N, C-alpha and C. Protein backbone atom coordinates (compact mmCIF):
# COMPACT_ATOMS: atom_id res chain seq x y z
N MET A 1 1.05 -1.39 -0.11
CA MET A 1 0.07 0.11 0.03
C MET A 1 1.03 1.29 0.08
N ARG A 2 0.84 1.94 -1.10
CA ARG A 2 1.56 3.69 -0.47
C ARG A 2 0.74 4.28 -0.40
N PRO A 3 1.47 5.30 0.49
CA PRO A 3 1.29 6.47 0.97
C PRO A 3 0.56 7.48 0.09
N THR A 4 -0.92 7.93 0.31
CA THR A 4 -1.26 9.20 -0.36
C THR A 4 -0.55 10.74 -0.68
N PRO A 5 -0.44 10.96 -1.60
CA PRO A 5 0.62 12.46 -1.44
C PRO A 5 -0.62 13.46 -0.67
N PHE A 6 0.03 14.28 0.14
CA PHE A 6 -1.10 15.20 0.43
C PHE A 6 -1.35 16.12 -0.27
N LEU A 7 -2.47 16.52 -0.54
CA LEU A 7 -3.10 17.49 -1.50
C LEU A 7 -3.15 18.92 -0.66
N ALA A 8 -2.72 19.72 -0.78
CA ALA A 8 -3.01 21.09 -0.37
C ALA A 8 -4.21 21.84 -1.19
N PRO A 9 -5.08 22.48 -0.09
CA PRO A 9 -6.31 23.17 -0.94
C PRO A 9 -5.78 24.21 -1.82
N SER A 10 -6.57 24.31 -3.04
CA SER A 10 -6.39 25.45 -3.87
C SER A 10 -6.13 26.60 -3.84
N PRO A 11 -5.32 27.54 -4.36
CA PRO A 11 -5.45 28.77 -3.93
C PRO A 11 -6.95 29.52 -3.79
N GLU A 12 -8.01 29.31 -4.97
CA GLU A 12 -9.13 29.79 -4.59
C GLU A 12 -9.59 29.45 -3.54
N ALA A 13 -9.64 28.21 -2.91
CA ALA A 13 -10.29 27.69 -1.42
C ALA A 13 -9.72 28.46 -0.37
N GLN A 14 -8.16 28.67 -0.51
CA GLN A 14 -7.59 29.12 0.63
C GLN A 14 -8.26 30.83 0.76
N THR A 15 -8.30 31.30 -0.20
CA THR A 15 -8.43 32.99 -0.39
C THR A 15 -9.94 33.17 0.26
N GLN A 16 -11.03 32.06 0.09
CA GLN A 16 -12.08 31.99 0.17
C GLN A 16 -12.23 32.02 1.63
N ALA A 17 -11.73 30.72 2.62
CA ALA A 17 -11.85 30.48 3.39
C ALA A 17 -11.00 31.62 5.00
N CYS A 18 -10.43 32.46 3.95
CA CYS A 18 -9.47 33.58 5.11
C CYS A 18 -10.15 35.02 4.31
N THR A 19 -10.90 34.94 3.94
CA THR A 19 -11.60 36.58 3.34
C THR A 19 -12.94 36.91 3.69
N THR A 20 -13.01 38.01 4.08
CA THR A 20 -14.54 38.16 4.26
C THR A 20 -14.71 39.18 3.42
N THR A 21 -16.37 39.55 2.95
CA THR A 21 -16.50 40.52 1.91
C THR A 21 -17.42 41.43 3.08
N GLU A 22 -16.96 42.52 2.85
CA GLU A 22 -18.06 43.47 3.35
C GLU A 22 -19.15 44.08 2.64
N PRO A 23 -20.24 45.00 3.18
CA PRO A 23 -21.34 45.09 2.13
C PRO A 23 -21.05 45.85 1.30
N ASP A 24 -19.90 46.75 1.17
CA ASP A 24 -19.72 47.85 0.37
C ASP A 24 -18.45 47.46 -0.90
N GLY A 25 -18.35 45.80 -0.06
CA GLY A 25 -17.77 45.35 -1.78
C GLY A 25 -16.31 44.84 -1.22
N LEU A 26 -15.69 45.53 -0.31
CA LEU A 26 -14.33 45.33 0.64
C LEU A 26 -13.86 44.50 0.52
N THR A 27 -12.87 43.49 0.33
CA THR A 27 -12.49 41.94 0.68
C THR A 27 -11.34 42.49 1.55
N LEU A 28 -11.29 41.49 2.92
CA LEU A 28 -10.02 42.29 3.71
C LEU A 28 -9.72 40.39 3.94
N SER A 29 -8.44 40.10 4.27
CA SER A 29 -8.09 38.97 4.16
C SER A 29 -7.66 39.10 5.81
N LEU A 30 -8.36 38.01 6.93
CA LEU A 30 -7.75 37.90 7.78
C LEU A 30 -6.45 37.57 8.09
N ASN A 31 -5.72 36.97 7.33
CA ASN A 31 -4.23 36.44 7.50
C ASN A 31 -3.65 37.60 7.37
N THR A 32 -3.83 38.56 6.59
CA THR A 32 -3.23 39.76 6.15
C THR A 32 -3.07 40.81 7.17
N PHE A 33 -4.21 41.10 7.80
CA PHE A 33 -4.76 42.18 9.03
C PHE A 33 -3.82 41.70 10.12
N GLU A 34 -4.04 40.36 10.91
CA GLU A 34 -3.41 39.95 11.51
C GLU A 34 -1.80 39.80 11.38
N ALA A 35 -1.43 40.00 10.34
CA ALA A 35 0.11 40.16 10.25
C ALA A 35 0.51 41.63 10.52
N ILE A 36 -0.16 42.62 9.96
CA ILE A 36 0.10 43.83 10.14
C ILE A 36 -0.12 44.24 11.30
N VAL A 37 -1.21 43.56 12.39
CA VAL A 37 -1.24 44.18 13.45
C VAL A 37 0.05 43.37 14.47
N ILE A 38 0.70 42.29 14.17
CA ILE A 38 1.63 41.87 15.14
C ILE A 38 2.82 42.33 14.29
N LYS A 39 2.86 42.68 13.47
CA LYS A 39 4.32 43.39 13.08
C LYS A 39 4.32 44.66 13.76
N PHE A 40 2.83 45.36 13.61
CA PHE A 40 3.07 46.63 14.27
C PHE A 40 3.42 46.64 15.76
N ALA A 41 2.78 45.52 16.38
CA ALA A 41 3.33 45.22 17.93
C ALA A 41 4.40 45.09 18.16
N ALA A 42 5.25 44.12 17.15
CA ALA A 42 6.65 43.74 17.39
C ALA A 42 7.27 45.26 17.25
N ALA A 43 7.24 45.90 16.17
CA ALA A 43 7.75 47.28 16.00
C ALA A 43 7.87 48.19 17.43
N MET A 44 6.76 48.13 18.03
CA MET A 44 6.29 49.30 19.00
C MET A 44 7.38 48.35 20.32
N VAL A 45 7.19 47.20 20.34
CA VAL A 45 7.98 46.53 21.50
C VAL A 45 9.33 46.53 21.34
N CYS A 46 9.94 46.49 19.77
CA CYS A 46 11.35 46.48 19.35
C CYS A 46 11.76 48.02 19.85
N SER A 47 11.03 48.97 19.52
CA SER A 47 11.39 50.75 19.47
C SER A 47 11.37 50.83 21.50
N ALA A 48 10.42 50.23 21.72
CA ALA A 48 10.47 50.79 23.47
C ALA A 48 11.95 50.02 23.87
N MET A 49 12.09 48.78 23.75
CA MET A 49 13.35 47.89 24.11
C MET A 49 14.69 48.79 23.77
N ALA A 50 14.89 49.41 22.47
CA ALA A 50 15.70 50.35 22.01
C ALA A 50 16.02 51.32 22.66
N VAL A 51 14.66 52.26 22.48
CA VAL A 51 14.96 53.18 23.70
C VAL A 51 15.43 52.87 24.92
N LEU A 52 14.97 52.15 26.01
CA LEU A 52 15.52 51.50 27.05
C LEU A 52 17.07 51.20 27.02
N ILE A 53 17.54 50.60 26.14
CA ILE A 53 18.94 50.12 25.89
C ILE A 53 19.70 51.51 25.68
N LEU A 54 19.10 52.36 24.74
CA LEU A 54 19.94 53.83 24.33
C LEU A 54 20.43 54.71 25.69
N ALA A 55 19.34 54.59 26.39
CA ALA A 55 19.28 55.33 27.96
C ALA A 55 19.92 54.82 28.56
N ALA A 56 20.13 53.25 29.02
CA ALA A 56 21.42 52.78 29.72
C ALA A 56 22.62 52.82 29.36
N LEU A 57 22.77 52.61 28.01
CA LEU A 57 23.94 52.93 27.67
C LEU A 57 24.66 54.32 27.85
N ALA A 58 23.93 55.55 27.39
CA ALA A 58 24.01 56.50 27.78
C ALA A 58 24.27 57.14 29.17
N LYS A 59 23.30 56.48 29.96
CA LYS A 59 23.80 56.46 31.85
C LYS A 59 25.52 55.94 32.15
N LEU A 60 25.58 54.91 31.45
CA LEU A 60 26.78 53.97 31.34
C LEU A 60 27.86 54.81 30.73
N ALA A 61 27.78 55.51 29.77
CA ALA A 61 29.01 56.22 29.13
C ALA A 61 29.24 57.42 29.69
N VAL A 62 28.29 58.31 30.44
CA VAL A 62 28.57 59.30 30.95
C VAL A 62 29.10 58.75 32.37
N GLY A 63 28.93 58.08 32.82
CA GLY A 63 29.63 57.40 34.32
C GLY A 63 30.62 56.86 34.14
N LEU A 64 31.20 56.29 32.71
CA LEU A 64 32.48 55.71 32.18
C LEU A 64 33.35 57.09 32.33
N VAL A 65 32.80 58.12 31.62
CA VAL A 65 33.74 59.34 31.17
C VAL A 65 34.24 60.06 32.59
N LYS A 66 33.07 59.85 33.65
CA LYS A 66 32.99 60.54 34.90
C LYS A 66 34.30 59.98 36.00
N MET A 67 34.64 58.88 35.65
CA MET A 67 35.17 57.52 36.26
C MET A 67 36.73 57.58 35.72
N VAL A 68 36.66 57.68 34.53
CA VAL A 68 38.17 57.87 33.53
C VAL A 68 38.39 59.32 33.96
N ARG A 69 37.94 60.17 33.51
CA ARG A 69 38.68 61.39 34.44
C ARG A 69 39.17 61.71 35.61
N ALA A 70 38.28 61.07 36.67
CA ALA A 70 38.82 60.97 38.04
C ALA A 70 39.96 60.25 38.38
N TRP A 71 39.94 58.86 37.27
CA TRP A 71 41.32 57.73 37.87
C TRP A 71 42.34 58.54 37.32
N GLY A 72 42.65 59.09 36.42
CA GLY A 72 44.02 59.79 35.83
C GLY A 72 44.43 60.93 36.94
N GLN A 73 43.91 61.61 37.72
CA GLN A 73 44.26 62.67 38.49
C GLN A 73 44.50 61.72 40.17
N PRO A 74 45.44 61.94 40.54
CA PRO A 74 45.59 61.80 41.75
C PRO A 74 45.28 63.06 42.60
N LEU A 75 44.72 62.57 43.75
CA LEU A 75 44.46 63.56 44.93
C LEU A 75 45.57 64.62 45.04
N GLN A 76 44.80 65.95 44.87
CA GLN A 76 45.78 67.41 45.05
C GLN A 76 45.54 67.64 46.06
N VAL A 77 46.43 68.81 46.70
CA VAL A 77 46.72 69.68 48.14
C VAL A 77 45.84 70.93 47.41
N ALA A 78 44.62 70.93 48.36
CA ALA A 78 43.74 71.97 48.04
C ALA A 78 43.97 73.52 48.80
N GLU A 79 44.84 74.26 48.47
CA GLU A 79 45.75 75.26 49.12
C GLU A 79 44.19 76.20 49.53
N GLU A 80 43.91 76.43 48.55
CA GLU A 80 42.44 77.55 48.30
C GLU A 80 41.88 77.22 49.69
N GLU A 81 41.29 76.14 50.00
CA GLU A 81 40.43 75.63 50.93
C GLU A 81 40.98 76.00 52.47
N GLN A 82 42.54 75.57 52.41
CA GLN A 82 43.30 76.15 53.67
C GLN A 82 43.09 77.39 53.90
N LYS A 83 43.36 78.29 52.73
CA LYS A 83 43.47 79.45 52.75
C LYS A 83 42.05 80.35 53.62
N GLU A 84 41.11 79.72 52.91
CA GLU A 84 39.69 80.02 53.24
C GLU A 84 38.95 79.99 54.69
N GLU A 85 39.76 78.45 55.04
CA GLU A 85 39.32 78.10 56.60
C GLU A 85 40.27 78.85 57.44
N GLN A 86 41.57 79.96 57.24
CA GLN A 86 42.21 80.21 57.87
C GLN A 86 41.34 81.80 58.23
N LYS A 87 40.84 82.03 56.88
CA LYS A 87 40.27 83.40 56.67
C LYS A 87 38.61 83.39 57.61
N GLU A 88 37.79 82.76 57.56
CA GLU A 88 36.92 82.31 58.25
C GLU A 88 37.22 81.84 59.88
N GLY A 89 38.38 81.35 60.14
CA GLY A 89 38.70 81.21 61.66
C GLY A 89 38.26 79.65 61.65
N ARG A 90 38.03 78.85 60.84
CA ARG A 90 37.92 77.64 61.24
C ARG A 90 39.09 77.01 61.81
N GLU A 91 39.30 76.31 62.61
CA GLU A 91 40.40 75.52 62.97
C GLU A 91 40.13 73.96 62.60
N ASN A 92 41.36 73.42 62.58
CA ASN A 92 41.43 71.73 62.44
C ASN A 92 41.38 70.87 63.55
N THR A 93 40.15 70.82 64.25
CA THR A 93 40.31 70.08 65.95
C THR A 93 40.23 68.67 65.40
N MET A 94 41.82 68.19 65.51
CA MET A 94 41.67 66.59 65.03
C MET A 94 42.06 66.49 66.66
N ALA A 95 41.41 65.30 67.04
CA ALA A 95 41.13 64.76 68.61
C ALA A 95 43.04 63.93 68.73
N ALA A 96 43.64 64.25 69.58
CA ALA A 96 45.06 63.52 69.78
C ALA A 96 44.58 62.20 70.27
N GLY A 97 45.68 61.22 69.75
CA GLY A 97 45.38 60.04 70.00
C GLY A 97 44.54 59.33 68.73
N SER A 98 44.00 59.78 67.73
CA SER A 98 43.32 59.25 66.91
C SER A 98 43.98 58.28 66.39
N VAL A 99 42.75 57.31 65.59
CA VAL A 99 43.65 56.56 64.63
C VAL A 99 43.13 56.54 63.07
N CYS A 100 43.64 56.27 62.46
CA CYS A 100 43.52 56.36 60.99
C CYS A 100 42.35 55.07 60.97
N ALA A 101 41.00 55.26 60.29
CA ALA A 101 40.02 54.47 60.12
C ALA A 101 40.39 53.18 58.90
N ILE A 102 41.39 53.73 58.32
CA ILE A 102 41.96 52.58 56.98
C ILE A 102 42.97 51.29 57.55
N CYS A 103 43.92 52.31 58.28
CA CYS A 103 45.24 51.13 58.67
C CYS A 103 45.10 51.05 60.22
N LEU A 104 44.36 51.46 60.62
CA LEU A 104 43.83 51.37 62.49
C LEU A 104 45.23 51.81 63.28
N GLU A 105 46.34 52.52 62.90
CA GLU A 105 47.11 53.19 63.42
C GLU A 105 46.87 54.74 63.84
N GLU A 106 47.59 54.65 64.99
CA GLU A 106 47.34 56.04 65.47
C GLU A 106 48.16 57.32 64.50
N PHE A 107 47.93 58.36 64.46
CA PHE A 107 48.73 59.40 64.03
C PHE A 107 49.81 59.70 64.83
N GLY A 108 50.81 59.84 63.76
CA GLY A 108 51.78 60.72 64.66
C GLY A 108 52.24 61.68 64.53
N ARG A 109 52.90 62.49 65.13
CA ARG A 109 53.34 64.01 64.70
C ARG A 109 53.64 64.32 63.64
N GLN A 110 54.76 63.45 63.00
CA GLN A 110 55.14 63.66 61.27
C GLN A 110 54.66 63.02 60.33
N ASP A 111 53.47 62.65 60.82
CA ASP A 111 52.49 61.92 59.83
C ASP A 111 52.01 63.09 58.63
N ALA A 112 51.59 62.62 57.53
CA ALA A 112 51.13 63.66 56.62
C ALA A 112 49.44 63.04 56.77
N VAL A 113 48.75 63.87 57.08
CA VAL A 113 47.42 63.65 57.02
C VAL A 113 46.54 64.27 56.34
N ARG A 114 45.66 63.47 55.42
CA ARG A 114 44.97 64.41 54.26
C ARG A 114 43.30 64.45 55.10
N GLN A 115 42.46 65.23 54.95
CA GLN A 115 41.35 65.62 55.13
C GLN A 115 40.54 65.86 53.86
N LEU A 116 39.03 65.04 54.18
CA LEU A 116 38.43 64.94 52.66
C LEU A 116 37.47 66.26 52.99
N PRO A 117 37.18 67.00 51.87
CA PRO A 117 36.66 68.59 51.94
C PRO A 117 35.14 68.34 52.23
N GLU A 118 34.73 67.26 51.59
CA GLU A 118 33.16 67.14 51.46
C GLU A 118 32.98 66.90 53.52
N CYS A 119 33.56 65.83 53.77
CA CYS A 119 33.02 65.38 55.14
C CYS A 119 33.90 65.82 56.30
N ARG A 120 35.15 66.17 55.83
CA ARG A 120 36.19 66.77 57.05
C ARG A 120 36.79 65.49 57.56
N HIS A 121 36.99 64.44 57.29
CA HIS A 121 37.17 63.06 57.83
C HIS A 121 38.71 63.14 57.74
N GLY A 122 39.56 62.78 58.25
CA GLY A 122 41.08 62.91 58.26
C GLY A 122 41.54 61.48 58.34
N TYR A 123 42.45 61.27 57.29
CA TYR A 123 43.31 59.97 57.06
C TYR A 123 45.09 59.89 57.38
N HIS A 124 45.88 59.04 57.04
CA HIS A 124 46.95 59.09 56.84
C HIS A 124 46.77 59.57 55.15
N ALA A 125 47.79 60.27 54.39
CA ALA A 125 47.66 60.34 53.17
C ALA A 125 48.01 59.34 52.26
N LYS A 126 48.77 58.26 52.84
CA LYS A 126 49.34 57.27 51.61
C LYS A 126 47.70 56.38 51.79
N CYS A 127 47.14 56.24 53.18
CA CYS A 127 46.14 55.21 53.02
C CYS A 127 45.16 56.02 52.26
N ILE A 128 44.34 57.28 52.54
CA ILE A 128 43.55 57.73 51.76
C ILE A 128 43.88 57.83 50.26
N ASP A 129 45.00 57.79 49.77
CA ASP A 129 45.10 58.21 48.33
C ASP A 129 44.81 56.86 47.70
N ARG A 130 45.13 55.66 48.12
CA ARG A 130 44.99 54.42 47.85
C ARG A 130 43.63 54.03 47.84
N TRP A 131 42.99 54.21 48.91
CA TRP A 131 41.42 54.32 49.02
C TRP A 131 40.65 54.73 48.07
N ILE A 132 40.88 55.86 47.92
CA ILE A 132 40.32 56.57 47.19
C ILE A 132 40.44 56.03 45.65
N VAL A 133 41.34 55.92 45.12
CA VAL A 133 41.66 55.38 44.02
C VAL A 133 40.74 53.82 43.67
N GLU A 134 40.77 53.28 44.53
CA GLU A 134 40.39 51.85 44.79
C GLU A 134 38.87 51.86 44.67
N ARG A 135 38.34 52.65 45.80
CA ARG A 135 36.73 52.88 46.16
C ARG A 135 35.89 53.93 45.62
N GLY A 136 36.68 55.11 45.89
CA GLY A 136 36.36 56.60 45.54
C GLY A 136 35.20 56.89 46.60
N THR A 137 35.29 56.45 47.70
CA THR A 137 34.23 57.01 48.43
C THR A 137 34.80 57.52 50.01
N CYS A 138 34.51 58.14 51.09
CA CYS A 138 35.13 58.20 52.14
C CYS A 138 34.91 56.95 53.05
N PRO A 139 35.97 56.08 53.74
CA PRO A 139 35.54 54.89 54.50
C PRO A 139 34.79 55.28 55.52
N THR A 140 34.50 56.49 56.41
CA THR A 140 33.67 56.54 57.35
C THR A 140 32.09 56.74 57.06
N CYS A 141 32.00 57.86 56.24
CA CYS A 141 30.74 58.26 55.57
C CYS A 141 29.84 57.57 54.50
N ARG A 142 30.86 57.06 53.47
CA ARG A 142 30.46 56.60 52.06
C ARG A 142 30.26 58.03 51.52
N ARG A 143 30.56 58.72 51.58
CA ARG A 143 30.47 60.30 50.95
C ARG A 143 31.48 60.01 49.49
N TRP A 144 30.98 60.31 48.41
CA TRP A 144 31.73 60.14 47.37
C TRP A 144 33.47 61.50 47.47
N GLY A 145 34.21 60.92 47.28
CA GLY A 145 35.62 61.49 48.05
C GLY A 145 36.55 61.65 46.66
N ARG A 146 36.23 61.51 45.14
CA ARG A 146 37.23 61.63 44.03
C ARG A 146 37.50 63.28 44.46
N GLY A 147 38.26 63.49 43.85
CA GLY A 147 38.43 65.10 43.88
C GLY A 147 40.12 65.52 45.05
N THR A 148 39.94 66.75 45.60
CA THR A 148 41.00 67.01 46.26
C THR A 148 40.65 67.04 47.43
N ALA A 149 41.98 66.70 48.41
CA ALA A 149 42.07 66.24 49.61
C ALA A 149 43.10 67.27 50.40
N ARG A 150 42.55 67.89 51.46
CA ARG A 150 43.45 69.05 52.01
C ARG A 150 44.73 68.12 53.03
N LEU A 151 45.71 68.42 52.50
CA LEU A 151 46.83 68.36 53.43
C LEU A 151 46.99 68.70 54.60
N LEU A 152 47.06 68.07 55.69
CA LEU A 152 47.11 68.98 57.48
C LEU A 152 48.38 69.19 57.49
N SER A 153 48.88 70.05 58.29
CA SER A 153 50.09 70.61 58.47
C SER A 153 50.61 69.24 59.63
N SER A 154 51.69 69.47 59.59
CA SER A 154 52.42 67.73 60.46
C SER A 154 52.04 67.80 61.75
N GLY A 155 52.12 67.17 62.55
CA GLY A 155 51.87 67.56 63.86
C GLY A 155 50.69 67.56 64.32
N SER A 156 49.56 67.44 63.35
CA SER A 156 47.71 67.68 63.82
C SER A 156 47.88 65.88 63.71
N GLY A 157 46.83 65.49 64.32
CA GLY A 157 46.96 64.16 65.13
C GLY A 157 45.18 64.04 65.05
N GLY A 158 44.74 62.91 64.58
CA GLY A 158 43.33 62.39 64.82
C GLY A 158 42.97 62.58 63.26
N LYS A 159 41.49 62.38 64.00
CA LYS A 159 40.19 62.55 62.73
C LYS A 159 39.40 63.21 63.38
N ARG A 160 38.48 64.10 62.70
CA ARG A 160 37.08 64.62 63.17
C ARG A 160 36.25 64.02 63.19
């Protein structure tokens, strides 16, 4: 017994099965209409995804540019800030016998101490330079610390 070949319906039968005739004489193929709706919906979903991806890429690019700019610049001594503090009469009140929050060693009289400008926390210069390059935040309060740190005079000890 031989298998019978599959017979496809004639093109006229396919057209009649998938079309409707409107009273004004217009013929609309349901397959064509569904295909148009599906293509339109797919285009809208793809457009929305593209917009979200582009927004995320733009945000990432801005963050990378900021990070690259800050990465190449070492912490600099902010002399203007020291002069402003002296003009305003503010003193650096560093508690004697305090310890560096990074290395947990006490500040010595000859240790170079840096103070972050935003939060005014003080650390050993070598400790905070390395910390800021690696992490970018204050070790104590987690504020963004890239930029300049003020070098305190020798003999000040402690952290504010």
